[in-house]
Amino acid sequence: MSKPHKRYSREERLEIVKQSLEAGAVVSQIARKFGLAPNTITRWRQELRLENKLEPVGQGIKALTDEERQIARLRKQLREAELERDILKKAIGIFSKSDGKSSNS
């Protein structure tokens, strides 16, 4: 028979998330300390970010300024436009090739 799950209050969850965000903290160790699955702490962290409309920072994710976000968005649009252009060039090349059936010579 499985043991009943402990219900954590909002304050307890915030404290656990806070500990998991400290420098050098290892989520799996904190999870073990509180008898949780590591993905539970990860989910709580995500929920906290969404509730407070925070962007993830750390672990290779850089906080962006408004200008950097706009530059990233414009670069993405440029890549998509270039891809569309390349696809159209290839399509034109395919459809404009003479197949020998409809030549006027």
C-alpha atoms as a PDB file:
ATOM      1  CA  MET A   1       0.000   0.000   0.000  1.00  0.00           C
ATOM      2  CA  SER A   2       1.383   3.393  -0.904  1.00  0.00           C
ATOM      3  CA  LYS A   3       1.854   6.063   1.689  1.00  0.00           C
ATOM      4  CA  PRO A   4      -0.374   9.139   1.484  1.00  0.00           C
ATOM      5  CA  HIS A   5       1.127  12.187  -0.194  1.00  0.00           C
ATOM      6  CA  LYS A   6       1.945  15.134   2.003  1.00  0.00           C
ATOM      7  CA  ARG A   7       0.187  18.313   0.952  1.00  0.00           C
ATOM      8  CA  TYR A   8       2.482  21.318   0.908  1.00  0.00           C
ATOM      9  CA  SER A   9       1.135  24.789   1.612  1.00  0.00           C
ATOM     10  CA  ARG A  10       1.909  27.636  -0.758  1.00  0.00           C
ATOM     11  CA  GLU A  11       4.514  28.969   1.685  1.00  0.00           C
ATOM     12  CA  GLU A  12       6.202  25.563   1.910  1.00  0.00           C
ATOM     13  CA  ARG A  13       6.258  25.261  -1.866  1.00  0.00           C
ATOM     14  CA  LEU A  14       7.768  28.724  -2.214  1.00  0.00           C
ATOM     15  CA  GLU A  15      10.473  27.863   0.327  1.00  0.00           C
ATOM     16  CA  ILE A  16      11.333  24.619  -1.472  1.00  0.00           C
ATOM     17  CA  VAL A  17      11.453  26.425  -4.839  1.00  0.00           C
ATOM     18  CA  LYS A  18      13.600  29.156  -3.296  1.00  0.00           C
ATOM     19  CA  GLN A  19      16.077  26.541  -2.032  1.00  0.00           C
ATOM     20  CA  SER A  20      16.147  24.895  -5.469  1.00  0.00           C
ATOM     21  CA  LEU A  21      17.042  28.209  -7.114  1.00  0.00           C
ATOM     22  CA  GLU A  22      20.052  28.905  -4.886  1.00  0.00           C
ATOM     23  CA  ALA A  23      23.487  28.706  -6.484  1.00  0.00           C
ATOM     24  CA  GLY A  24      24.862  25.188  -6.384  1.00  0.00           C
ATOM     25  CA  ALA A  25      21.506  23.663  -5.439  1.00  0.00           C
ATOM     26  CA  VAL A  26      20.712  20.254  -6.907  1.00  0.00           C
ATOM     27  CA  VAL A  27      16.999  19.663  -7.453  1.00  0.00           C
ATOM     28  CA  SER A  28      17.250  15.902  -6.941  1.00  0.00           C
ATOM     29  CA  GLN A  29      18.898  16.369  -3.531  1.00  0.00           C
ATOM     30  CA  ILE A  30      16.299  18.896  -2.416  1.00  0.00           C
ATOM     31  CA  ALA A  31      13.534  16.608  -3.669  1.00  0.00           C
ATOM     32  CA  ARG A  32      14.959  13.710  -1.682  1.00  0.00           C
ATOM     33  CA  LYS A  33      15.230  15.931   1.421  1.00  0.00           C
ATOM     34  CA  PHE A  34      11.504  16.754   1.269  1.00  0.00           C
ATOM     35  CA  GLY A  35      10.334  13.369  -0.018  1.00  0.00           C
ATOM     36  CA  LEU A  36       9.335  14.699  -3.433  1.00  0.00           C
ATOM     37  CA  ALA A  37       9.948  13.708  -7.004  1.00  0.00           C
ATOM     38  CA  PRO A  38      12.396  16.078  -8.755  1.00  0.00           C
ATOM     39  CA  ASN A  39       9.847  16.801 -11.480  1.00  0.00           C
ATOM     40  CA  THR A  40       7.455  18.099  -8.798  1.00  0.00           C
ATOM     41  CA  ILE A  41       9.917  20.832  -7.847  1.00  0.00           C
ATOM     42  CA  THR A  42      10.522  21.591 -11.527  1.00  0.00           C
ATOM     43  CA  ARG A  43       6.754  21.896 -12.061  1.00  0.00           C
ATOM     44  CA  TRP A  44       6.406  24.197  -9.031  1.00  0.00           C
ATOM     45  CA  ARG A  45       9.197  26.379 -10.424  1.00  0.00           C
ATOM     46  CA  GLN A  46       7.421  26.584 -13.791  1.00  0.00           C
ATOM     47  CA  GLU A  47       4.093  27.414 -12.122  1.00  0.00           C
ATOM     48  CA  LEU A  48       5.773  30.190 -10.135  1.00  0.00           C
ATOM     49  CA  ARG A  49       7.313  31.626 -13.316  1.00  0.00           C
ATOM     50  CA  LEU A  50       3.949  31.578 -15.084  1.00  0.00           C
ATOM     51  CA  GLU A  51       2.067  33.103 -12.140  1.00  0.00           C
ATOM     52  CA  ASN A  52       4.531  35.973 -11.888  1.00  0.00           C
ATOM     53  CA  LYS A  53       5.164  36.260 -15.650  1.00  0.00           C
ATOM     54  CA  LEU A  54       8.885  35.747 -15.107  1.00  0.00           C
ATOM     55  CA  GLU A  55      11.291  34.665 -17.790  1.00  0.00           C
ATOM     56  CA  PRO A  56      13.611  31.823 -16.834  1.00  0.00           C
ATOM     57  CA  VAL A  57      17.133  32.970 -16.056  1.00  0.00           C
ATOM     58  CA  GLY A  58      20.212  30.875 -15.471  1.00  0.00           C
ATOM     59  CA  GLN A  59      21.348  27.495 -16.658  1.00  0.00           C
ATOM     60  CA  GLY A  60      22.193  28.981 -20.045  1.00  0.00           C
ATOM     61  CA  ILE A  61      19.028  31.048 -20.375  1.00  0.00           C
ATOM     62  CA  LYS A  62      19.827  34.736 -20.583  1.00  0.00           C
ATOM     63  CA  ALA A  63      17.447  37.494 -19.507  1.00  0.00           C
ATOM     64  CA  LEU A  64      16.733  39.624 -22.560  1.00  0.00           C
ATOM     65  CA  THR A  65      16.022  43.324 -22.807  1.00  0.00           C
ATOM     66  CA  ASP A  66      13.135  44.538 -24.958  1.00  0.00           C
ATOM     67  CA  GLU A  67      15.555  45.423 -27.753  1.00  0.00           C
ATOM     68  CA  GLU A  68      17.211  41.975 -27.624  1.00  0.00           C
ATOM     69  CA  ARG A  69      13.779  40.307 -27.731  1.00  0.00           C
ATOM     70  CA  GLN A  70      12.857  42.412 -30.772  1.00  0.00           C
ATOM     71  CA  ILE A  71      16.153  41.573 -32.495  1.00  0.00           C
ATOM     72  CA  ALA A  72      15.585  37.862 -31.826  1.00  0.00           C
ATOM     73  CA  ARG A  73      12.043  38.100 -33.210  1.00  0.00           C
ATOM     74  CA  LEU A  74      13.254  39.906 -36.331  1.00  0.00           C
ATOM     75  CA  ARG A  75      16.045  37.375 -36.875  1.00  0.00           C
ATOM     76  CA  LYS A  76      13.514  34.570 -36.651  1.00  0.00           C
ATOM     77  CA  GLN A  77      11.287  36.318 -39.202  1.00  0.00           C
ATOM     78  CA  LEU A  78      14.298  36.780 -41.493  1.00  0.00           C
ATOM     79  CA  ARG A  79      15.225  33.077 -41.271  1.00  0.00           C
ATOM     80  CA  GLU A  80      11.629  32.116 -42.107  1.00  0.00           C
ATOM     81  CA  ALA A  81      11.526  34.547 -45.069  1.00  0.00           C
ATOM     82  CA  GLU A  82      14.850  33.222 -46.387  1.00  0.00           C
ATOM     83  CA  LEU A  83      13.581  29.645 -46.097  1.00  0.00           C
ATOM     84  CA  GLU A  84      10.406  30.553 -48.007  1.00  0.00           C
ATOM     85  CA  ARG A  85      12.493  32.296 -50.676  1.00  0.00           C
ATOM     86  CA  ASP A  86      14.742  29.256 -51.071  1.00  0.00           C
ATOM     87  CA  ILE A  87      11.748  26.952 -51.397  1.00  0.00           C
ATOM     88  CA  LEU A  88      10.212  29.206 -54.045  1.00  0.00           C
ATOM     89  CA  LYS A  89      13.509  29.346 -55.977  1.00  0.00           C
ATOM     90  CA  LYS A  90      13.655  25.556 -56.042  1.00  0.00           C
ATOM     91  CA  ALA A  91      10.018  25.323 -57.128  1.00  0.00           C
ATOM     92  CA  ILE A  92      10.601  27.805 -59.963  1.00  0.00           C
ATOM     93  CA  GLY A  93      13.623  25.785 -61.043  1.00  0.00           C
ATOM     94  CA  ILE A  94      11.623  22.571 -61.078  1.00  0.00           C
ATOM     95  CA  PHE A  95       8.652  23.997 -62.960  1.00  0.00           C
ATOM     96  CA  SER A  96      10.693  25.992 -65.461  1.00  0.00           C
ATOM     97  CA  LYS A  97      12.827  23.042 -66.604  1.00  0.00           C
ATOM     98  CA  SER A  98      12.079  21.925 -70.116  1.00  0.00           C
ATOM     99  CA  ASP A  99      10.985  18.306 -70.091  1.00  0.00           C
ATOM    100  CA  GLY A 100      11.260  17.901 -73.856  1.00  0.00           C
ATOM    101  CA  LYS A 101       7.552  17.242 -74.350  1.00  0.00           C
ATOM    102  CA  SER A 102       6.392  20.777 -74.948  1.00  0.00           C
ATOM    103  CA  SER A 103       9.334  22.359 -76.759  1.00  0.00           C
ATOM    104  CA  ASN A 104       8.623  24.586 -79.756  1.00  0.00           C
ATOM    105  CA  SER A 105      11.613  23.455 -81.816  1.00  0.00           C
END
